[in-house]
Every structure is written in C-alpha cells, then in structure tokens.
Amino acid sequence: MPSDTSLPILSEGVHPFDARGVAKRFRHAAIFGALSALQPGETMRFCNDHDPLPLLQQLKGHFGDDIQIEYLSRQPGEIVIDFKIVG
C-alpha cells in the first residue's frame, strides 16, 4: 500500500473505503455490503491501487440507475472513485 496516497478531503455524507487494506477474496463482498448500507444521497469514496473495471460493471448491474460513479483520480496506482447512492 503506497504511503503517499491518501483519500481526498471528506465532507459530510462521504464515507471512505480503502480497498487496499481488504483481502482480495473479501473485497467485492465488502464493497457491495458497504454500498448497500448507504442511504440515498450518501457517497462512498473508494480508493484502490488499480482500476476496478469488472467491479464497475457488477455495480451497475446490481444498483442500476441508483448509483452514480465519478472518478476523482485515475492515475496508475492511485484510483479514487465516488460511488453515490441516488435512489
């Protein structure tokens, strides 16, 4: 886990989730669980060391239009994405 990569400043209703500290075999289940716990209008700020393209497809399939996905950083080794629950 890079020591110089940190999550951007958080505001109310934005909850950090650093996937780099979650074992790979539990990662997707933990992400889905965290997102399912959010209320409409809340955001999970996701940080990872790689671009999770298969995960994004799974999330869109599961949550559909109830989730907005916005990249804040898409640099190699430093991926930060906001997942906002809208429905």
PDB file of N, CA and C in Angstrom:
ATOM      1  N   MET A   1       0.855  -1.178   0.000  1.00  0.00           N
ATOM      2  CA  MET A   1       0.000   0.000   0.000  1.00  0.00           C
ATOM      3  C   MET A   1       0.898   1.238   0.000  1.00  0.00           C
ATOM      4  N   PRO A   2       0.739   2.125  -0.979  1.00  0.00           N
ATOM      5  CA  PRO A   2       1.581   3.323  -1.030  1.00  0.00           C
ATOM      6  C   PRO A   2       1.339   4.212   0.182  1.00  0.00           C
ATOM      7  N   SER A   3       2.396   4.714   0.763  1.00  0.00           N
ATOM      8  CA  SER A   3       2.245   5.558   1.944  1.00  0.00           C
ATOM      9  C   SER A   3       1.924   7.003   1.595  1.00  0.00           C
ATOM     10  N   ASP A   4       2.180   7.406   0.340  1.00  0.00           N
ATOM     11  CA  ASP A   4       1.952   8.793  -0.026  1.00  0.00           C
ATOM     12  C   ASP A   4       0.574   9.017  -0.659  1.00  0.00           C
ATOM     13  N   THR A   5      -0.239   7.951  -0.814  1.00  0.00           N
ATOM     14  CA  THR A   5      -1.568   8.078  -1.399  1.00  0.00           C
ATOM     15  C   THR A   5      -2.588   8.135  -0.279  1.00  0.00           C
ATOM     16  N   SER A   6      -3.369   9.188  -0.255  1.00  0.00           N
ATOM     17  CA  SER A   6      -4.411   9.303   0.754  1.00  0.00           C
ATOM     18  C   SER A   6      -5.705   9.710   0.086  1.00  0.00           C
ATOM     19  N   LEU A   7      -6.789   9.461   0.765  1.00  0.00           N
ATOM     20  CA  LEU A   7      -8.090   9.831   0.236  1.00  0.00           C
ATOM     21  C   LEU A   7      -8.237  11.346   0.273  1.00  0.00           C
ATOM     22  N   PRO A   8      -8.872  11.914  -0.757  1.00  0.00           N
ATOM     23  CA  PRO A   8      -9.115  13.359  -0.728  1.00  0.00           C
ATOM     24  C   PRO A   8      -9.971  13.743   0.476  1.00  0.00           C
ATOM     25  N   ILE A   9      -9.941  15.005   0.817  1.00  0.00           N
ATOM     26  CA  ILE A   9     -10.709  15.531   1.947  1.00  0.00           C
ATOM     27  C   ILE A   9     -12.160  15.070   1.847  1.00  0.00           C
ATOM     28  N   LEU A  10     -12.687  14.627   2.965  1.00  0.00           N
ATOM     29  CA  LEU A  10     -14.061  14.136   3.009  1.00  0.00           C
ATOM     30  C   LEU A  10     -14.988  15.196   3.568  1.00  0.00           C
ATOM     31  N   SER A  11     -16.225  15.169   3.139  1.00  0.00           N
ATOM     32  CA  SER A  11     -17.239  16.062   3.677  1.00  0.00           C
ATOM     33  C   SER A  11     -18.368  15.218   4.245  1.00  0.00           C
ATOM     34  N   GLU A  12     -19.324  15.866   4.860  1.00  0.00           N
ATOM     35  CA  GLU A  12     -20.449  15.155   5.452  1.00  0.00           C
ATOM     36  C   GLU A  12     -21.167  14.337   4.375  1.00  0.00           C
ATOM     37  N   GLY A  13     -21.515  13.116   4.720  1.00  0.00           N
ATOM     38  CA  GLY A  13     -22.201  12.243   3.781  1.00  0.00           C
ATOM     39  C   GLY A  13     -21.277  11.513   2.832  1.00  0.00           C
ATOM     40  N   VAL A  14     -19.956  11.697   2.996  1.00  0.00           N
ATOM     41  CA  VAL A  14     -18.967  10.991   2.181  1.00  0.00           C
ATOM     42  C   VAL A  14     -18.177  10.080   3.112  1.00  0.00           C
ATOM     43  N   HIS A  15     -18.221   8.782   2.827  1.00  0.00           N
ATOM     44  CA  HIS A  15     -17.616   7.778   3.701  1.00  0.00           C
ATOM     45  C   HIS A  15     -16.458   7.098   2.985  1.00  0.00           C
ATOM     46  N   PRO A  16     -15.271   7.059   3.603  1.00  0.00           N
ATOM     47  CA  PRO A  16     -14.099   6.467   2.952  1.00  0.00           C
ATOM     48  C   PRO A  16     -14.145   4.940   2.944  1.00  0.00           C
ATOM     49  N   PHE A  17     -13.654   4.361   1.876  1.00  0.00           N
ATOM     50  CA  PHE A  17     -13.468   2.909   1.775  1.00  0.00           C
ATOM     51  C   PHE A  17     -12.164   2.682   1.037  1.00  0.00           C
ATOM     52  N   ASP A  18     -11.154   2.235   1.765  1.00  0.00           N
ATOM     53  CA  ASP A  18      -9.840   1.979   1.181  1.00  0.00           C
ATOM     54  C   ASP A  18      -9.718   0.483   0.921  1.00  0.00           C
ATOM     55  N   ALA A  19      -9.921   0.083  -0.320  1.00  0.00           N
ATOM     56  CA  ALA A  19      -9.910  -1.335  -0.687  1.00  0.00           C
ATOM     57  C   ALA A  19      -8.527  -1.958  -0.587  1.00  0.00           C
ATOM     58  N   ARG A  20      -7.490  -1.152  -0.543  1.00  0.00           N
ATOM     59  CA  ARG A  20      -6.125  -1.679  -0.488  1.00  0.00           C
ATOM     60  C   ARG A  20      -5.870  -2.473   0.780  1.00  0.00           C
ATOM     61  N   GLY A  21      -6.652  -2.214   1.827  1.00  0.00           N
ATOM     62  CA  GLY A  21      -6.453  -2.925   3.092  1.00  0.00           C
ATOM     63  C   GLY A  21      -7.365  -4.117   3.270  1.00  0.00           C
ATOM     64  N   VAL A  22      -8.154  -4.464   2.257  1.00  0.00           N
ATOM     65  CA  VAL A  22      -9.091  -5.578   2.345  1.00  0.00           C
ATOM     66  C   VAL A  22      -8.541  -6.741   1.523  1.00  0.00           C
ATOM     67  N   ALA A  23      -8.526  -7.942   2.114  1.00  0.00           N
ATOM     68  CA  ALA A  23      -8.035  -9.113   1.392  1.00  0.00           C
ATOM     69  C   ALA A  23      -8.807  -9.286   0.089  1.00  0.00           C
ATOM     70  N   LYS A  24      -8.107  -9.640  -0.976  1.00  0.00           N
ATOM     71  CA  LYS A  24      -8.726  -9.726  -2.306  1.00  0.00           C
ATOM     72  C   LYS A  24      -9.954 -10.628  -2.325  1.00  0.00           C
ATOM     73  N   ARG A  25      -9.927 -11.728  -1.607  1.00  0.00           N
ATOM     74  CA  ARG A  25     -11.062 -12.657  -1.651  1.00  0.00           C
ATOM     75  C   ARG A  25     -12.312 -12.104  -0.983  1.00  0.00           C
ATOM     76  N   PHE A  26     -12.169 -11.068  -0.147  1.00  0.00           N
ATOM     77  CA  PHE A  26     -13.316 -10.454   0.531  1.00  0.00           C
ATOM     78  C   PHE A  26     -13.710  -9.115  -0.084  1.00  0.00           C
ATOM     79  N   ARG A  27     -12.890  -8.602  -0.976  1.00  0.00           N
ATOM     80  CA  ARG A  27     -13.019  -7.221  -1.437  1.00  0.00           C
ATOM     81  C   ARG A  27     -14.386  -6.901  -2.050  1.00  0.00           C
ATOM     82  N   HIS A  28     -14.847  -7.674  -3.029  1.00  0.00           N
ATOM     83  CA  HIS A  28     -16.112  -7.347  -3.687  1.00  0.00           C
ATOM     84  C   HIS A  28     -17.284  -7.446  -2.720  1.00  0.00           C
ATOM     85  N   ALA A  29     -17.286  -8.461  -1.877  1.00  0.00           N
ATOM     86  CA  ALA A  29     -18.368  -8.604  -0.889  1.00  0.00           C
ATOM     87  C   ALA A  29     -18.385  -7.419   0.074  1.00  0.00           C
ATOM     88  N   ALA A  30     -17.210  -6.968   0.483  1.00  0.00           N
ATOM     89  CA  ALA A  30     -17.129  -5.822   1.402  1.00  0.00           C
ATOM     90  C   ALA A  30     -17.624  -4.545   0.730  1.00  0.00           C
ATOM     91  N   ILE A  31     -17.290  -4.361  -0.530  1.00  0.00           N
ATOM     92  CA  ILE A  31     -17.713  -3.163  -1.271  1.00  0.00           C
ATOM     93  C   ILE A  31     -19.230  -3.162  -1.437  1.00  0.00           C
ATOM     94  N   PHE A  32     -19.791  -4.294  -1.859  1.00  0.00           N
ATOM     95  CA  PHE A  32     -21.243  -4.383  -2.024  1.00  0.00           C
ATOM     96  C   PHE A  32     -21.954  -4.165  -0.697  1.00  0.00           C
ATOM     97  N   GLY A  33     -21.412  -4.726   0.383  1.00  0.00           N
ATOM     98  CA  GLY A  33     -22.013  -4.532   1.703  1.00  0.00           C
ATOM     99  C   GLY A  33     -21.980  -3.077   2.133  1.00  0.00           C
ATOM    100  N   ALA A  34     -20.848  -2.423   1.914  1.00  0.00           N
ATOM    101  CA  ALA A  34     -20.726  -1.014   2.297  1.00  0.00           C
ATOM    102  C   ALA A  34     -21.689  -0.147   1.495  1.00  0.00           C
ATOM    103  N   LEU A  35     -21.770  -0.384   0.195  1.00  0.00           N
ATOM    104  CA  LEU A  35     -22.675   0.409  -0.636  1.00  0.00           C
ATOM    105  C   LEU A  35     -24.133   0.165  -0.266  1.00  0.00           C
ATOM    106  N   SER A  36     -24.469  -1.060   0.083  1.00  0.00           N
ATOM    107  CA  SER A  36     -25.848  -1.383   0.462  1.00  0.00           C
ATOM    108  C   SER A  36     -26.244  -0.713   1.772  1.00  0.00           C
ATOM    109  N   ALA A  37     -25.260  -0.361   2.583  1.00  0.00           N
ATOM    110  CA  ALA A  37     -25.538   0.289   3.871  1.00  0.00           C
ATOM    111  C   ALA A  37     -25.762   1.799   3.722  1.00  0.00           C
ATOM    112  N   LEU A  38     -25.412   2.370   2.570  1.00  0.00           N
ATOM    113  CA  LEU A  38     -25.571   3.817   2.376  1.00  0.00           C
ATOM    114  C   LEU A  38     -27.027   4.187   2.154  1.00  0.00           C
ATOM    115  N   GLN A  39     -27.366   5.377   2.607  1.00  0.00           N
ATOM    116  CA  GLN A  39     -28.688   5.955   2.386  1.00  0.00           C
ATOM    117  C   GLN A  39     -28.635   6.811   1.122  1.00  0.00           C
ATOM    118  N   PRO A  40     -29.784   7.021   0.452  1.00  0.00           N
ATOM    119  CA  PRO A  40     -29.788   7.905  -0.712  1.00  0.00           C
ATOM    120  C   PRO A  40     -29.155   9.267  -0.378  1.00  0.00           C
ATOM    121  N   GLY A  41     -28.301   9.726  -1.268  1.00  0.00           N
ATOM    122  CA  GLY A  41     -27.591  10.988  -1.066  1.00  0.00           C
ATOM    123  C   GLY A  41     -26.209  10.810  -0.466  1.00  0.00           C
ATOM    124  N   GLU A  42     -25.917   9.641   0.098  1.00  0.00           N
ATOM    125  CA  GLU A  42     -24.600   9.392   0.678  1.00  0.00           C
ATOM    126  C   GLU A  42     -23.652   8.848  -0.386  1.00  0.00           C
ATOM    127  N   THR A  43     -22.366   9.055  -0.134  1.00  0.00           N
ATOM    128  CA  THR A  43     -21.320   8.678  -1.073  1.00  0.00           C
ATOM    129  C   THR A  43     -20.267   7.843  -0.367  1.00  0.00           C
ATOM    130  N   MET A  44     -19.772   6.826  -1.059  1.00  0.00           N
ATOM    131  CA  MET A  44     -18.618   6.072  -0.595  1.00  0.00           C
ATOM    132  C   MET A  44     -17.442   6.486  -1.465  1.00  0.00           C
ATOM    133  N   ARG A  45     -16.395   7.029  -0.851  1.00  0.00           N
ATOM    134  CA  ARG A  45     -15.180   7.412  -1.573  1.00  0.00           C
ATOM    135  C   ARG A  45     -14.231   6.213  -1.534  1.00  0.00           C
ATOM    136  N   PHE A  46     -14.060   5.594  -2.681  1.00  0.00           N
ATOM    137  CA  PHE A  46     -13.349   4.335  -2.850  1.00  0.00           C
ATOM    138  C   PHE A  46     -11.926   4.605  -3.321  1.00  0.00           C
ATOM    139  N   CYS A  47     -10.964   3.985  -2.681  1.00  0.00           N
ATOM    140  CA  CYS A  47      -9.559   4.118  -3.056  1.00  0.00           C
ATOM    141  C   CYS A  47      -9.002   2.724  -3.328  1.00  0.00           C
ATOM    142  N   ASN A  48      -8.264   2.596  -4.435  1.00  0.00           N
ATOM    143  CA  ASN A  48      -7.712   1.301  -4.814  1.00  0.00           C
ATOM    144  C   ASN A  48      -6.400   1.519  -5.555  1.00  0.00           C
ATOM    145  N   ASP A  49      -5.648   0.433  -5.715  1.00  0.00           N
ATOM    146  CA  ASP A  49      -4.372   0.530  -6.424  1.00  0.00           C
ATOM    147  C   ASP A  49      -4.493   0.214  -7.909  1.00  0.00           C
ATOM    148  N   HIS A  50      -5.676  -0.208  -8.345  1.00  0.00           N
ATOM    149  CA  HIS A  50      -5.905  -0.478  -9.771  1.00  0.00           C
ATOM    150  C   HIS A  50      -7.337  -0.091 -10.134  1.00  0.00           C
ATOM    151  N   ASP A  51      -7.567   0.110 -11.413  1.00  0.00           N
ATOM    152  CA  ASP A  51      -8.879   0.497 -11.916  1.00  0.00           C
ATOM    153  C   ASP A  51      -9.796  -0.737 -11.914  1.00  0.00           C
ATOM    154  N   PRO A  52     -10.873  -0.722 -11.136  1.00  0.00           N
ATOM    155  CA  PRO A  52     -11.701  -1.911 -10.957  1.00  0.00           C
ATOM    156  C   PRO A  52     -12.819  -2.035 -12.007  1.00  0.00           C
ATOM    157  N   LEU A  53     -12.462  -2.106 -13.268  1.00  0.00           N
ATOM    158  CA  LEU A  53     -13.457  -2.095 -14.342  1.00  0.00           C
ATOM    159  C   LEU A  53     -14.483  -3.229 -14.232  1.00  0.00           C
ATOM    160  N   PRO A  54     -14.089  -4.486 -13.931  1.00  0.00           N
ATOM    161  CA  PRO A  54     -15.107  -5.528 -13.766  1.00  0.00           C
ATOM    162  C   PRO A  54     -16.069  -5.214 -12.606  1.00  0.00           C
ATOM    163  N   LEU A  55     -15.540  -4.659 -11.532  1.00  0.00           N
ATOM    164  CA  LEU A  55     -16.381  -4.286 -10.386  1.00  0.00           C
ATOM    165  C   LEU A  55     -17.399  -3.227 -10.797  1.00  0.00           C
ATOM    166  N   LEU A  56     -16.983  -2.251 -11.577  1.00  0.00           N
ATOM    167  CA  LEU A  56     -17.904  -1.188 -12.002  1.00  0.00           C
ATOM    168  C   LEU A  56     -19.078  -1.776 -12.783  1.00  0.00           C
ATOM    169  N   GLN A  57     -18.807  -2.751 -13.638  1.00  0.00           N
ATOM    170  CA  GLN A  57     -19.880  -3.406 -14.383  1.00  0.00           C
ATOM    171  C   GLN A  57     -20.823  -4.151 -13.439  1.00  0.00           C
ATOM    172  N   GLN A  58     -20.271  -4.827 -12.444  1.00  0.00           N
ATOM    173  CA  GLN A  58     -21.091  -5.539 -11.467  1.00  0.00           C
ATOM    174  C   GLN A  58     -21.963  -4.563 -10.677  1.00  0.00           C
ATOM    175  N   LEU A  59     -21.388  -3.437 -10.292  1.00  0.00           N
ATOM    176  CA  LEU A  59     -22.152  -2.447  -9.526  1.00  0.00           C
ATOM    177  C   LEU A  59     -23.298  -1.879 -10.348  1.00  0.00           C
ATOM    178  N   LYS A  60     -23.024  -1.554 -11.610  1.00  0.00           N
ATOM    179  CA  LYS A  60     -24.085  -1.032 -12.484  1.00  0.00           C
ATOM    180  C   LYS A  60     -25.185  -2.081 -12.673  1.00  0.00           C
ATOM    181  N   GLY A  61     -24.795  -3.350 -12.802  1.00  0.00           N
ATOM    182  CA  GLY A  61     -25.774  -4.416 -12.943  1.00  0.00           C
ATOM    183  C   GLY A  61     -26.632  -4.594 -11.708  1.00  0.00           C
ATOM    184  N   HIS A  62     -26.029  -4.418 -10.544  1.00  0.00           N
ATOM    185  CA  HIS A  62     -26.745  -4.610  -9.271  1.00  0.00           C
ATOM    186  C   HIS A  62     -27.573  -3.387  -8.880  1.00  0.00           C
ATOM    187  N   PHE A  63     -26.966  -2.204  -8.936  1.00  0.00           N
ATOM    188  CA  PHE A  63     -27.616  -0.983  -8.463  1.00  0.00           C
ATOM    189  C   PHE A  63     -28.334  -0.207  -9.570  1.00  0.00           C
ATOM    190  N   GLY A  64     -27.970  -0.469 -10.819  1.00  0.00           N
ATOM    191  CA  GLY A  64     -28.609   0.223 -11.945  1.00  0.00           C
ATOM    192  C   GLY A  64     -28.466   1.732 -11.852  1.00  0.00           C
ATOM    193  N   ASP A  65     -29.579   2.430 -12.033  1.00  0.00           N
ATOM    194  CA  ASP A  65     -29.565   3.895 -12.004  1.00  0.00           C
ATOM    195  C   ASP A  65     -29.524   4.464 -10.591  1.00  0.00           C
ATOM    196  N   ASP A  66     -29.483   3.601  -9.569  1.00  0.00           N
ATOM    197  CA  ASP A  66     -29.442   4.075  -8.188  1.00  0.00           C
ATOM    198  C   ASP A  66     -28.035   4.418  -7.721  1.00  0.00           C
ATOM    199  N   ILE A  67     -27.050   4.276  -8.616  1.00  0.00           N
ATOM    200  CA  ILE A  67     -25.673   4.608  -8.240  1.00  0.00           C
ATOM    201  C   ILE A  67     -25.051   5.503  -9.315  1.00  0.00           C
ATOM    202  N   GLN A  68     -24.336   6.524  -8.846  1.00  0.00           N
ATOM    203  CA  GLN A  68     -23.544   7.375  -9.733  1.00  0.00           C
ATOM    204  C   GLN A  68     -22.076   7.082  -9.457  1.00  0.00           C
ATOM    205  N   ILE A  69     -21.294   6.982 -10.512  1.00  0.00           N
ATOM    206  CA  ILE A  69     -19.875   6.655 -10.395  1.00  0.00           C
ATOM    207  C   ILE A  69     -19.070   7.805 -10.987  1.00  0.00           C
ATOM    208  N   GLU A  70     -18.180   8.381 -10.166  1.00  0.00           N
ATOM    209  CA  GLU A  70     -17.359   9.509 -10.617  1.00  0.00           C
ATOM    210  C   GLU A  70     -15.909   9.313 -10.184  1.00  0.00           C
ATOM    211  N   TYR A  71     -15.010   9.293 -11.157  1.00  0.00           N
ATOM    212  CA  TYR A  71     -13.580   9.199 -10.857  1.00  0.00           C
ATOM    213  C   TYR A  71     -13.088  10.543 -10.339  1.00  0.00           C
ATOM    214  N   LEU A  72     -12.346  10.507  -9.235  1.00  0.00           N
ATOM    215  CA  LEU A  72     -11.658  11.698  -8.730  1.00  0.00           C
ATOM    216  C   LEU A  72     -10.182  11.642  -9.095  1.00  0.00           C
ATOM    217  N   SER A  73      -9.641  10.431  -9.200  1.00  0.00           N
ATOM    218  CA  SER A  73      -8.254  10.222  -9.616  1.00  0.00           C
ATOM    219  C   SER A  73      -8.200   8.907 -10.375  1.00  0.00           C
ATOM    220  N   ARG A  74      -7.516   8.935 -11.509  1.00  0.00           N
ATOM    221  CA  ARG A  74      -7.380   7.721 -12.321  1.00  0.00           C
ATOM    222  C   ARG A  74      -5.918   7.554 -12.736  1.00  0.00           C
ATOM    223  N   GLN A  75      -5.026   7.837 -11.810  1.00  0.00           N
ATOM    224  CA  GLN A  75      -3.591   7.701 -12.048  1.00  0.00           C
ATOM    225  C   GLN A  75      -3.174   6.261 -11.733  1.00  0.00           C
ATOM    226  N   PRO A  76      -2.193   5.716 -12.435  1.00  0.00           N
ATOM    227  CA  PRO A  76      -1.714   4.367 -12.126  1.00  0.00           C
ATOM    228  C   PRO A  76      -1.329   4.246 -10.649  1.00  0.00           C
ATOM    229  N   GLY A  77      -1.885   3.263  -9.992  1.00  0.00           N
ATOM    230  CA  GLY A  77      -1.600   3.044  -8.575  1.00  0.00           C
ATOM    231  C   GLY A  77      -2.406   3.911  -7.635  1.00  0.00           C
ATOM    232  N   GLU A  78      -3.201   4.825  -8.168  1.00  0.00           N
ATOM    233  CA  GLU A  78      -3.972   5.742  -7.336  1.00  0.00           C
ATOM    234  C   GLU A  78      -5.334   6.000  -7.976  1.00  0.00           C
ATOM    235  N   ILE A  79      -6.258   5.109  -7.691  1.00  0.00           N
ATOM    236  CA  ILE A  79      -7.615   5.218  -8.200  1.00  0.00           C
ATOM    237  C   ILE A  79      -8.504   5.678  -7.057  1.00  0.00           C
ATOM    238  N   VAL A  80      -9.244   6.749  -7.262  1.00  0.00           N
ATOM    239  CA  VAL A  80     -10.210   7.236  -6.285  1.00  0.00           C
ATOM    240  C   VAL A  80     -11.518   7.474  -7.033  1.00  0.00           C
ATOM    241  N   ILE A  81     -12.568   6.821  -6.548  1.00  0.00           N
ATOM    242  CA  ILE A  81     -13.872   6.899  -7.196  1.00  0.00           C
ATOM    243  C   ILE A  81     -14.933   7.215  -6.151  1.00  0.00           C
ATOM    244  N   ASP A  82     -15.823   8.117  -6.456  1.00  0.00           N
ATOM    245  CA  ASP A  82     -17.004   8.361  -5.608  1.00  0.00           C
ATOM    246  C   ASP A  82     -18.160   7.526  -6.145  1.00  0.00           C
ATOM    247  N   PHE A  83     -18.739   6.723  -5.263  1.00  0.00           N
ATOM    248  CA  PHE A  83     -19.952   5.971  -5.564  1.00  0.00           C
ATOM    249  C   PHE A  83     -21.062   6.621  -4.763  1.00  0.00           C
ATOM    250  N   LYS A  84     -22.003   7.269  -5.449  1.00  0.00           N
ATOM    251  CA  LYS A  84     -23.092   7.964  -4.762  1.00  0.00           C
ATOM    252  C   LYS A  84     -24.397   7.208  -4.992  1.00  0.00           C
ATOM    253  N   ILE A  85     -25.106   6.960  -3.892  1.00  0.00           N
ATOM    254  CA  ILE A  85     -26.408   6.319  -3.962  1.00  0.00           C
ATOM    255  C   ILE A  85     -27.448   7.407  -4.194  1.00  0.00           C
ATOM    256  N   VAL A  86     -28.198   7.293  -5.283  1.00  0.00           N
ATOM    257  CA  VAL A  86     -29.158   8.345  -5.647  1.00  0.00           C
ATOM    258  C   VAL A  86     -30.606   7.868  -5.577  1.00  0.00           C
ATOM    259  N   GLY A  87     -30.832   6.589  -5.422  1.00  0.00           N
ATOM    260  CA  GLY A  87     -32.210   6.102  -5.414  1.00  0.00           C
ATOM    261  C   GLY A  87     -32.548   5.304  -4.198  1.00  0.00           C
TER     262      GLY A  87
END
